[in-house]
């Protein structure tokens, strides 16, 4: 009986100890212990066709911080972090996508583009300066204000996941 209990204990410990080497998010933080996300200013209105959405900058910055916090064990820092994300929102526009027989829009597309500069102080060859963009389609008969919360949630989720993958995913 002692042998069975001992064997079970060894298997139990080996199983849970081995789980420590797996990271189901795919994130590889290397030797980094902290990250910072600088405020992503909204410069979208400076691009022709784009509009300015108040609070978008704050909400996106928070979404990126939350994404990295939720998918890694890194500590959020306000300065001098091992990993630094900075950038700006450069596009936020609604465009007609499909037309009806009456030459009116049947579907609109909300597009958001973010320019991101990533600096990894522990692995400098991982640095990048890249654009990330995604869209949300909605019926032309629907006002943007009616679906904005849902649209932002999807846009933020997709863009922050792409940023995470580009900076920390080890695929």
N, C-alpha and C. Protein backbone atom coordinates (compact mmCIF):
# COMPACT_ATOMS: atom_id res chain seq x y z
N UNK A 1 0.82 -1.19 0.00
CA UNK A 1 0.00 0.00 0.00
C UNK A 1 0.87 1.26 0.00
N UNK A 2 1.96 1.26 0.78
CA UNK A 2 2.85 2.42 0.82
C UNK A 2 3.47 2.67 -0.54
N UNK A 3 3.77 1.60 -1.29
CA UNK A 3 4.35 1.75 -2.61
C UNK A 3 3.37 2.43 -3.56
N UNK A 4 2.10 2.07 -3.47
CA UNK A 4 1.07 2.66 -4.34
C UNK A 4 0.90 4.14 -4.02
N UNK A 5 0.85 4.48 -2.72
CA UNK A 5 0.71 5.87 -2.31
C UNK A 5 1.94 6.66 -2.72
N UNK A 6 3.12 6.08 -2.54
CA UNK A 6 4.36 6.75 -2.94
C UNK A 6 4.43 6.96 -4.44
N UNK A 7 4.03 5.96 -5.20
CA UNK A 7 4.02 6.08 -6.66
C UNK A 7 3.02 7.14 -7.10
N UNK A 8 1.86 7.14 -6.46
CA UNK A 8 0.85 8.15 -6.77
C UNK A 8 1.37 9.56 -6.46
N UNK A 9 2.03 9.73 -5.33
CA UNK A 9 2.57 11.04 -4.94
C UNK A 9 3.63 11.50 -5.93
N UNK A 10 4.49 10.60 -6.36
CA UNK A 10 5.53 10.96 -7.33
C UNK A 10 4.89 11.37 -8.66
N UNK A 11 3.92 10.59 -9.12
CA UNK A 11 3.23 10.93 -10.38
C UNK A 11 2.51 12.27 -10.26
N UNK A 12 1.86 12.49 -9.13
CA UNK A 12 1.13 13.73 -8.89
C UNK A 12 2.07 14.94 -8.94
N UNK A 13 3.19 14.84 -8.23
CA UNK A 13 4.16 15.93 -8.21
C UNK A 13 4.79 16.14 -9.58
N UNK A 14 5.11 15.06 -10.26
CA UNK A 14 5.72 15.18 -11.59
C UNK A 14 4.75 15.85 -12.56
N UNK A 15 3.48 15.50 -12.47
CA UNK A 15 2.48 16.09 -13.36
C UNK A 15 2.38 17.60 -13.13
N UNK A 16 2.23 18.02 -11.90
CA UNK A 16 2.06 19.44 -11.63
C UNK A 16 3.35 20.23 -11.80
N UNK A 17 4.47 19.62 -11.57
CA UNK A 17 5.73 20.31 -11.80
C UNK A 17 5.95 20.52 -13.29
N UNK A 18 5.58 19.54 -14.09
CA UNK A 18 5.79 19.66 -15.53
C UNK A 18 4.88 20.72 -16.13
N UNK A 19 3.75 21.00 -15.52
CA UNK A 19 2.85 22.01 -16.04
C UNK A 19 3.49 23.40 -16.01
N UNK A 20 4.46 23.58 -15.17
CA UNK A 20 5.10 24.89 -15.06
C UNK A 20 5.86 25.32 -16.31
N UNK A 21 6.24 24.39 -17.16
CA UNK A 21 7.00 24.77 -18.34
C UNK A 21 6.10 25.17 -19.50
N UNK A 22 4.83 24.91 -19.40
CA UNK A 22 3.92 25.24 -20.48
C UNK A 22 3.28 26.59 -20.24
N UNK A 23 3.10 27.31 -21.32
CA UNK A 23 2.43 28.60 -21.26
C UNK A 23 1.39 28.59 -22.36
N UNK A 24 0.13 28.46 -22.01
CA UNK A 24 -0.92 28.28 -22.99
C UNK A 24 -1.22 29.55 -23.78
N UNK A 25 -0.73 30.69 -23.37
CA UNK A 25 -0.96 31.92 -24.13
C UNK A 25 0.05 32.06 -25.25
N UNK A 26 1.14 31.34 -25.18
CA UNK A 26 2.17 31.46 -26.20
C UNK A 26 3.11 32.62 -25.92
N UNK A 27 2.92 33.30 -24.81
CA UNK A 27 3.76 34.44 -24.49
C UNK A 27 5.13 34.03 -24.03
N UNK A 28 6.14 34.71 -24.55
CA UNK A 28 7.51 34.44 -24.14
C UNK A 28 8.10 35.76 -23.67
N UNK A 29 8.14 35.97 -22.36
CA UNK A 29 8.64 37.22 -21.81
C UNK A 29 10.13 37.19 -21.57
N UNK A 30 10.76 36.05 -21.79
CA UNK A 30 12.21 35.94 -21.58
C UNK A 30 12.57 36.30 -20.15
N UNK A 31 13.53 37.20 -19.99
CA UNK A 31 13.96 37.60 -18.66
C UNK A 31 13.26 38.87 -18.19
N UNK A 32 12.33 39.39 -18.99
CA UNK A 32 11.61 40.61 -18.62
C UNK A 32 10.74 40.36 -17.40
N UNK A 33 10.64 41.38 -16.56
CA UNK A 33 9.78 41.29 -15.38
C UNK A 33 8.71 42.37 -15.36
N UNK A 34 8.85 43.38 -16.21
CA UNK A 34 7.89 44.49 -16.18
C UNK A 34 7.61 45.01 -17.59
N UNK A 35 6.47 45.67 -17.72
CA UNK A 35 6.12 46.29 -19.00
C UNK A 35 5.44 47.62 -18.72
N UNK A 36 5.51 48.50 -19.70
CA UNK A 36 4.78 49.77 -19.60
C UNK A 36 4.09 50.03 -20.93
N UNK A 37 2.91 50.60 -20.84
CA UNK A 37 2.17 51.00 -22.03
C UNK A 37 1.98 52.50 -21.92
N UNK A 38 2.71 53.23 -22.76
CA UNK A 38 2.55 54.68 -22.77
C UNK A 38 1.20 55.04 -23.38
N UNK A 39 0.70 56.21 -23.07
CA UNK A 39 -0.60 56.66 -23.53
C UNK A 39 -0.63 56.74 -25.06
N UNK A 40 -1.58 56.06 -25.68
CA UNK A 40 -1.73 56.05 -27.13
C UNK A 40 -2.62 57.23 -27.53
N UNK A 41 -1.99 58.33 -27.95
CA UNK A 41 -2.76 59.51 -28.33
C UNK A 41 -3.56 59.25 -29.59
N UNK A 42 -4.69 59.93 -29.69
CA UNK A 42 -5.58 59.76 -30.83
C UNK A 42 -5.29 60.85 -31.87
N UNK A 43 -4.56 60.48 -32.91
CA UNK A 43 -4.25 61.39 -34.01
C UNK A 43 -5.09 61.07 -35.25
N UNK A 44 -6.13 60.28 -35.09
CA UNK A 44 -6.93 59.85 -36.24
C UNK A 44 -7.52 61.01 -37.01
N UNK A 45 -7.94 62.04 -36.34
CA UNK A 45 -8.58 63.17 -37.01
C UNK A 45 -7.63 63.89 -37.96
N UNK A 46 -6.34 63.68 -37.84
CA UNK A 46 -5.37 64.31 -38.73
C UNK A 46 -5.30 63.63 -40.10
N UNK A 47 -5.87 62.43 -40.21
CA UNK A 47 -5.88 61.70 -41.47
C UNK A 47 -7.20 61.96 -42.19
N UNK A 48 -7.15 62.27 -43.48
CA UNK A 48 -8.38 62.53 -44.24
C UNK A 48 -9.36 61.36 -44.15
N UNK A 49 -10.60 61.66 -43.88
CA UNK A 49 -11.63 60.64 -43.79
C UNK A 49 -11.80 60.05 -42.40
N UNK A 50 -10.84 60.25 -41.53
CA UNK A 50 -10.94 59.73 -40.17
C UNK A 50 -11.69 60.71 -39.29
N UNK A 51 -12.23 60.19 -38.22
CA UNK A 51 -12.93 61.04 -37.27
C UNK A 51 -12.27 60.92 -35.90
N UNK A 52 -12.58 61.87 -35.05
CA UNK A 52 -12.03 61.87 -33.69
C UNK A 52 -13.09 61.32 -32.76
N UNK A 53 -12.74 60.32 -31.99
CA UNK A 53 -13.65 59.73 -31.02
C UNK A 53 -13.11 59.99 -29.62
N UNK A 54 -13.79 60.85 -28.84
CA UNK A 54 -13.32 61.16 -27.49
C UNK A 54 -13.24 59.91 -26.61
N UNK A 55 -12.16 59.78 -25.87
CA UNK A 55 -11.97 58.67 -24.95
C UNK A 55 -11.39 57.42 -25.58
N UNK A 56 -11.30 57.39 -26.90
CA UNK A 56 -10.77 56.21 -27.59
C UNK A 56 -9.33 55.94 -27.18
N UNK A 57 -8.54 56.99 -27.03
CA UNK A 57 -7.13 56.85 -26.64
C UNK A 57 -7.00 56.20 -25.27
N UNK A 58 -7.75 56.67 -24.32
CA UNK A 58 -7.72 56.11 -22.96
C UNK A 58 -8.18 54.66 -22.95
N UNK A 59 -9.29 54.40 -23.63
CA UNK A 59 -9.86 53.05 -23.64
C UNK A 59 -8.93 52.05 -24.32
N UNK A 60 -8.29 52.46 -25.41
CA UNK A 60 -7.37 51.55 -26.08
C UNK A 60 -6.12 51.29 -25.23
N UNK A 61 -5.57 52.34 -24.64
CA UNK A 61 -4.40 52.18 -23.77
C UNK A 61 -4.70 51.20 -22.65
N UNK A 62 -5.87 51.35 -22.02
CA UNK A 62 -6.26 50.44 -20.94
C UNK A 62 -6.45 49.01 -21.44
N UNK A 63 -7.03 48.86 -22.64
CA UNK A 63 -7.25 47.53 -23.20
C UNK A 63 -5.92 46.81 -23.46
N UNK A 64 -4.92 47.54 -23.95
CA UNK A 64 -3.61 46.93 -24.19
C UNK A 64 -2.94 46.55 -22.87
N UNK A 65 -3.03 47.41 -21.87
CA UNK A 65 -2.49 47.07 -20.55
C UNK A 65 -3.16 45.82 -20.00
N UNK A 66 -4.48 45.76 -20.11
CA UNK A 66 -5.22 44.60 -19.60
C UNK A 66 -4.84 43.32 -20.33
N UNK A 67 -4.69 43.41 -21.64
CA UNK A 67 -4.34 42.23 -22.44
C UNK A 67 -3.00 41.66 -21.97
N UNK A 68 -2.00 42.49 -21.81
CA UNK A 68 -0.67 42.01 -21.42
C UNK A 68 -0.69 41.51 -19.98
N UNK A 69 -1.40 42.22 -19.12
CA UNK A 69 -1.51 41.79 -17.72
C UNK A 69 -2.18 40.43 -17.62
N UNK A 70 -3.24 40.21 -18.40
CA UNK A 70 -3.99 38.96 -18.34
C UNK A 70 -3.25 37.78 -18.96
N UNK A 71 -2.36 38.03 -19.91
CA UNK A 71 -1.71 36.93 -20.60
C UNK A 71 -0.27 36.67 -20.18
N UNK A 72 0.24 37.48 -19.26
CA UNK A 72 1.61 37.27 -18.78
C UNK A 72 1.66 37.45 -17.27
N UNK A 73 2.82 37.18 -16.72
CA UNK A 73 3.04 37.42 -15.29
C UNK A 73 3.84 38.70 -15.07
N UNK A 74 3.94 39.53 -16.11
CA UNK A 74 4.71 40.78 -16.02
C UNK A 74 3.99 41.79 -15.13
N UNK A 75 4.79 42.64 -14.49
CA UNK A 75 4.25 43.72 -13.67
C UNK A 75 4.14 44.99 -14.49
N UNK A 76 3.02 45.67 -14.35
CA UNK A 76 2.82 46.94 -15.04
C UNK A 76 3.61 48.03 -14.33
N UNK A 77 4.41 48.77 -15.09
CA UNK A 77 5.22 49.86 -14.53
C UNK A 77 4.90 51.14 -15.28
N UNK A 78 5.14 52.27 -14.63
CA UNK A 78 4.88 53.55 -15.31
C UNK A 78 6.13 54.10 -15.98
N UNK A 79 7.31 53.65 -15.55
CA UNK A 79 8.57 54.08 -16.18
C UNK A 79 9.60 52.96 -16.09
N UNK A 80 10.60 53.05 -16.95
CA UNK A 80 11.79 52.18 -16.89
C UNK A 80 11.46 50.69 -16.85
N UNK A 81 10.50 50.25 -17.66
CA UNK A 81 10.13 48.84 -17.71
C UNK A 81 11.02 48.10 -18.71
N UNK A 82 11.04 46.79 -18.61
CA UNK A 82 11.81 45.96 -19.54
C UNK A 82 11.19 45.97 -20.94
N UNK A 83 9.87 46.00 -21.00
CA UNK A 83 9.15 46.02 -22.27
C UNK A 83 8.35 47.32 -22.34
N UNK A 84 8.47 48.04 -23.44
CA UNK A 84 7.78 49.33 -23.57
C UNK A 84 6.96 49.33 -24.85
N UNK A 85 5.68 49.69 -24.71
CA UNK A 85 4.78 49.84 -25.84
C UNK A 85 4.41 51.32 -25.92
N UNK A 86 4.60 51.90 -27.09
CA UNK A 86 4.19 53.28 -27.28
C UNK A 86 3.64 53.41 -28.69
N UNK A 87 2.88 54.45 -28.93
CA UNK A 87 2.34 54.64 -30.27
C UNK A 87 1.16 55.59 -30.26
N UNK A 88 0.39 55.52 -31.34
CA UNK A 88 -0.75 56.41 -31.48
C UNK A 88 -1.82 55.75 -32.35
N UNK A 89 -3.03 56.21 -32.16
CA UNK A 89 -4.15 55.79 -33.00
C UNK A 89 -4.10 56.70 -34.23
N UNK A 90 -3.96 56.10 -35.40
CA UNK A 90 -3.78 56.92 -36.61
C UNK A 90 -4.98 56.87 -37.56
N UNK A 91 -5.91 55.96 -37.31
CA UNK A 91 -7.09 55.91 -38.16
C UNK A 91 -8.28 55.42 -37.36
N UNK A 92 -9.40 56.08 -37.56
CA UNK A 92 -10.68 55.68 -36.99
C UNK A 92 -11.73 56.23 -37.94
N UNK A 93 -12.24 55.36 -38.81
CA UNK A 93 -13.14 55.84 -39.86
C UNK A 93 -14.27 54.86 -40.13
N UNK A 94 -15.37 55.41 -40.57
CA UNK A 94 -16.50 54.63 -41.04
C UNK A 94 -16.59 54.81 -42.54
N UNK A 95 -16.64 53.68 -43.26
CA UNK A 95 -16.70 53.71 -44.72
C UNK A 95 -17.85 52.82 -45.19
N UNK A 96 -18.56 53.23 -46.24
CA UNK A 96 -19.58 52.33 -46.81
C UNK A 96 -18.90 51.14 -47.48
N UNK A 97 -19.49 49.95 -47.30
CA UNK A 97 -18.87 48.74 -47.85
C UNK A 97 -19.66 48.14 -49.01
N UNK A 98 -20.96 48.05 -48.89
CA UNK A 98 -21.79 47.49 -49.96
C UNK A 98 -22.93 48.44 -50.24
N UNK A 99 -23.45 48.38 -51.45
CA UNK A 99 -24.52 49.28 -51.84
C UNK A 99 -25.80 48.50 -52.15
N UNK A 100 -26.91 49.19 -52.04
CA UNK A 100 -28.20 48.61 -52.40
C UNK A 100 -28.50 48.97 -53.85
N UNK A 101 -29.59 48.44 -54.37
CA UNK A 101 -30.02 48.78 -55.74
C UNK A 101 -30.37 50.25 -55.86
N UNK A 102 -30.68 50.89 -54.74
CA UNK A 102 -31.02 52.31 -54.74
C UNK A 102 -29.78 53.20 -54.56
N UNK A 103 -28.61 52.63 -54.74
CA UNK A 103 -27.36 53.37 -54.63
C UNK A 103 -27.13 53.98 -53.25
N UNK A 104 -27.57 53.29 -52.21
CA UNK A 104 -27.28 53.72 -50.84
C UNK A 104 -26.47 52.61 -50.17
N UNK A 105 -25.79 52.96 -49.11
CA UNK A 105 -24.96 51.98 -48.40
C UNK A 105 -25.83 50.96 -47.69
N UNK A 106 -25.48 49.69 -47.84
CA UNK A 106 -26.18 48.62 -47.14
C UNK A 106 -25.40 48.20 -45.90
N UNK A 107 -24.11 48.39 -45.94
CA UNK A 107 -23.26 47.99 -44.83
C UNK A 107 -22.11 48.98 -44.69
N UNK A 108 -21.77 49.29 -43.44
CA UNK A 108 -20.65 50.18 -43.15
C UNK A 108 -19.55 49.41 -42.46
N UNK A 109 -18.35 49.94 -42.54
CA UNK A 109 -17.19 49.33 -41.89
C UNK A 109 -16.49 50.38 -41.04
N UNK A 110 -16.34 50.08 -39.76
CA UNK A 110 -15.55 50.91 -38.85
C UNK A 110 -14.15 50.31 -38.82
N UNK A 111 -13.17 51.10 -39.18
CA UNK A 111 -11.77 50.65 -39.21
C UNK A 111 -10.95 51.46 -38.22
N UNK A 112 -10.12 50.76 -37.47
CA UNK A 112 -9.21 51.41 -36.53
C UNK A 112 -7.80 50.92 -36.81
N UNK A 113 -6.85 51.86 -36.88
CA UNK A 113 -5.44 51.52 -37.11
C UNK A 113 -4.60 52.18 -36.04
N UNK A 114 -3.65 51.41 -35.53
CA UNK A 114 -2.76 51.88 -34.47
C UNK A 114 -1.31 51.67 -34.91
N UNK A 115 -0.49 52.69 -34.74
CA UNK A 115 0.95 52.58 -34.97
C UNK A 115 1.60 52.26 -33.64
N UNK A 116 2.37 51.17 -33.58
CA UNK A 116 2.96 50.73 -32.31
C UNK A 116 4.47 50.63 -32.45
N UNK A 117 5.16 51.17 -31.47
CA UNK A 117 6.60 50.98 -31.34
C UNK A 117 6.83 50.15 -30.07
N UNK A 118 7.53 49.04 -30.23
CA UNK A 118 7.78 48.13 -29.13
C UNK A 118 9.27 48.05 -28.89
N UNK A 119 9.66 48.19 -27.63
CA UNK A 119 11.07 48.12 -27.25
C UNK A 119 11.23 47.06 -26.16
N UNK A 120 12.13 46.14 -26.39
CA UNK A 120 12.42 45.08 -25.43
C UNK A 120 13.86 45.28 -24.95
N UNK A 121 14.02 45.78 -23.74
CA UNK A 121 15.36 46.06 -23.21
C UNK A 121 16.16 44.81 -22.93
N UNK A 122 15.50 43.66 -22.85
CA UNK A 122 16.21 42.41 -22.57
C UNK A 122 16.57 41.66 -23.85
N UNK A 123 15.98 42.08 -24.98
CA UNK A 123 16.23 41.40 -26.25
C UNK A 123 15.96 42.39 -27.37
N UNK A 124 16.96 43.22 -27.68
CA UNK A 124 16.77 44.35 -28.58
C UNK A 124 16.41 43.96 -30.01
N UNK A 125 16.76 42.77 -30.44
CA UNK A 125 16.39 42.38 -31.81
C UNK A 125 14.90 42.08 -31.94
N UNK A 126 14.17 42.16 -30.85
CA UNK A 126 12.72 41.95 -30.87
C UNK A 126 11.95 43.27 -31.05
N UNK A 127 12.65 44.40 -31.05
CA UNK A 127 11.99 45.71 -31.21
C UNK A 127 11.31 45.81 -32.57
N UNK A 128 10.21 46.57 -32.62
CA UNK A 128 9.57 46.81 -33.92
C UNK A 128 8.80 48.12 -33.90
N UNK A 129 8.49 48.60 -35.09
CA UNK A 129 7.65 49.77 -35.33
C UNK A 129 6.67 49.32 -36.41
N UNK A 130 5.41 49.11 -36.04
CA UNK A 130 4.49 48.44 -36.94
C UNK A 130 3.06 48.97 -36.78
N UNK A 131 2.27 48.87 -37.86
CA UNK A 131 0.86 49.24 -37.83
C UNK A 131 0.01 47.99 -37.59
N UNK A 132 -1.05 48.18 -36.81
CA UNK A 132 -2.01 47.12 -36.56
C UNK A 132 -3.39 47.70 -36.84
N UNK A 133 -4.21 46.94 -37.54
CA UNK A 133 -5.51 47.44 -37.95
C UNK A 133 -6.54 46.33 -37.90
N UNK A 134 -7.76 46.71 -37.64
CA UNK A 134 -8.87 45.77 -37.74
C UNK A 134 -10.13 46.55 -38.02
N UNK A 135 -11.21 45.84 -38.37
CA UNK A 135 -12.46 46.49 -38.76
C UNK A 135 -13.65 45.80 -38.12
N UNK A 136 -14.75 46.51 -38.12
CA UNK A 136 -16.02 45.99 -37.61
C UNK A 136 -17.10 46.42 -38.59
N UNK A 137 -17.80 45.45 -39.17
CA UNK A 137 -18.87 45.73 -40.13
C UNK A 137 -20.21 45.79 -39.40
N UNK A 138 -21.06 46.72 -39.85
CA UNK A 138 -22.40 46.85 -39.27
C UNK A 138 -23.36 47.38 -40.32
N UNK A 139 -24.67 47.12 -40.15
CA UNK A 139 -25.66 47.57 -41.13
C UNK A 139 -25.67 49.10 -41.23
N UNK A 140 -25.85 49.60 -42.44
CA UNK A 140 -25.87 51.05 -42.66
C UNK A 140 -27.07 51.70 -41.99
N UNK A 141 -28.10 50.92 -41.71
CA UNK A 141 -29.29 51.46 -41.04
C UNK A 141 -29.07 51.65 -39.54
N UNK A 142 -27.96 51.15 -39.04
CA UNK A 142 -27.65 51.25 -37.61
C UNK A 142 -26.69 52.40 -37.37
N UNK A 143 -27.00 53.20 -36.38
CA UNK A 143 -26.10 54.30 -36.00
C UNK A 143 -24.86 53.74 -35.31
N UNK A 144 -23.73 54.37 -35.57
CA UNK A 144 -22.48 53.95 -34.93
C UNK A 144 -22.62 53.99 -33.41
N UNK A 145 -23.27 54.99 -32.89
CA UNK A 145 -23.42 55.12 -31.44
C UNK A 145 -24.17 53.94 -30.83
N UNK A 146 -25.01 53.27 -31.61
CA UNK A 146 -25.79 52.14 -31.10
C UNK A 146 -24.94 50.88 -30.95
N UNK A 147 -23.90 50.76 -31.74
CA UNK A 147 -23.07 49.55 -31.70
C UNK A 147 -21.64 49.84 -31.28
N UNK A 148 -21.37 51.06 -30.88
CA UNK A 148 -19.99 51.48 -30.62
C UNK A 148 -19.30 50.67 -29.52
N UNK A 149 -20.00 50.39 -28.46
CA UNK A 149 -19.40 49.63 -27.37
C UNK A 149 -18.98 48.24 -27.85
N UNK A 150 -19.86 47.56 -28.54
CA UNK A 150 -19.57 46.23 -29.07
C UNK A 150 -18.45 46.30 -30.11
N UNK A 151 -18.50 47.32 -30.97
CA UNK A 151 -17.46 47.48 -31.99
C UNK A 151 -16.10 47.71 -31.36
N UNK A 152 -16.04 48.59 -30.37
CA UNK A 152 -14.75 48.87 -29.70
C UNK A 152 -14.22 47.62 -29.02
N UNK A 153 -15.09 46.87 -28.39
CA UNK A 153 -14.66 45.65 -27.72
C UNK A 153 -14.00 44.70 -28.71
N UNK A 154 -14.61 44.51 -29.87
CA UNK A 154 -14.03 43.60 -30.86
C UNK A 154 -12.75 44.18 -31.47
N UNK A 155 -12.77 45.46 -31.81
CA UNK A 155 -11.56 46.09 -32.37
C UNK A 155 -10.40 46.00 -31.39
N UNK A 156 -10.64 46.35 -30.14
CA UNK A 156 -9.57 46.33 -29.13
C UNK A 156 -9.06 44.91 -28.92
N UNK A 157 -9.96 43.94 -28.86
CA UNK A 157 -9.55 42.56 -28.64
C UNK A 157 -8.64 42.07 -29.77
N UNK A 158 -9.03 42.33 -30.99
CA UNK A 158 -8.25 41.85 -32.14
C UNK A 158 -6.92 42.59 -32.26
N UNK A 159 -6.95 43.90 -32.11
CA UNK A 159 -5.71 44.67 -32.28
C UNK A 159 -4.73 44.38 -31.14
N UNK A 160 -5.22 44.35 -29.89
CA UNK A 160 -4.31 44.07 -28.77
C UNK A 160 -3.76 42.65 -28.85
N UNK A 161 -4.56 41.70 -29.34
CA UNK A 161 -4.05 40.33 -29.51
C UNK A 161 -2.97 40.30 -30.58
N UNK A 162 -3.15 41.04 -31.66
CA UNK A 162 -2.13 41.09 -32.71
C UNK A 162 -0.84 41.73 -32.18
N UNK A 163 -0.97 42.77 -31.37
CA UNK A 163 0.20 43.43 -30.78
C UNK A 163 0.92 42.47 -29.83
N UNK A 164 0.14 41.78 -29.01
CA UNK A 164 0.71 40.78 -28.10
C UNK A 164 1.46 39.70 -28.90
N UNK A 165 0.83 39.19 -29.94
CA UNK A 165 1.47 38.14 -30.75
C UNK A 165 2.76 38.63 -31.38
N UNK A 166 2.75 39.85 -31.90
CA UNK A 166 3.95 40.38 -32.55
C UNK A 166 5.08 40.63 -31.55
N UNK A 167 4.74 40.97 -30.32
CA UNK A 167 5.77 41.31 -29.33
C UNK A 167 6.20 40.14 -28.46
N UNK A 168 5.27 39.25 -28.12
CA UNK A 168 5.60 38.23 -27.13
C UNK A 168 5.29 36.80 -27.53
N UNK A 169 4.50 36.59 -28.56
CA UNK A 169 4.17 35.22 -28.94
C UNK A 169 5.39 34.57 -29.58
N UNK A 170 5.62 33.35 -29.22
CA UNK A 170 6.79 32.62 -29.70
C UNK A 170 6.34 31.46 -30.57
N UNK A 171 5.69 31.78 -31.68
CA UNK A 171 5.11 30.74 -32.52
C UNK A 171 6.12 30.20 -33.50
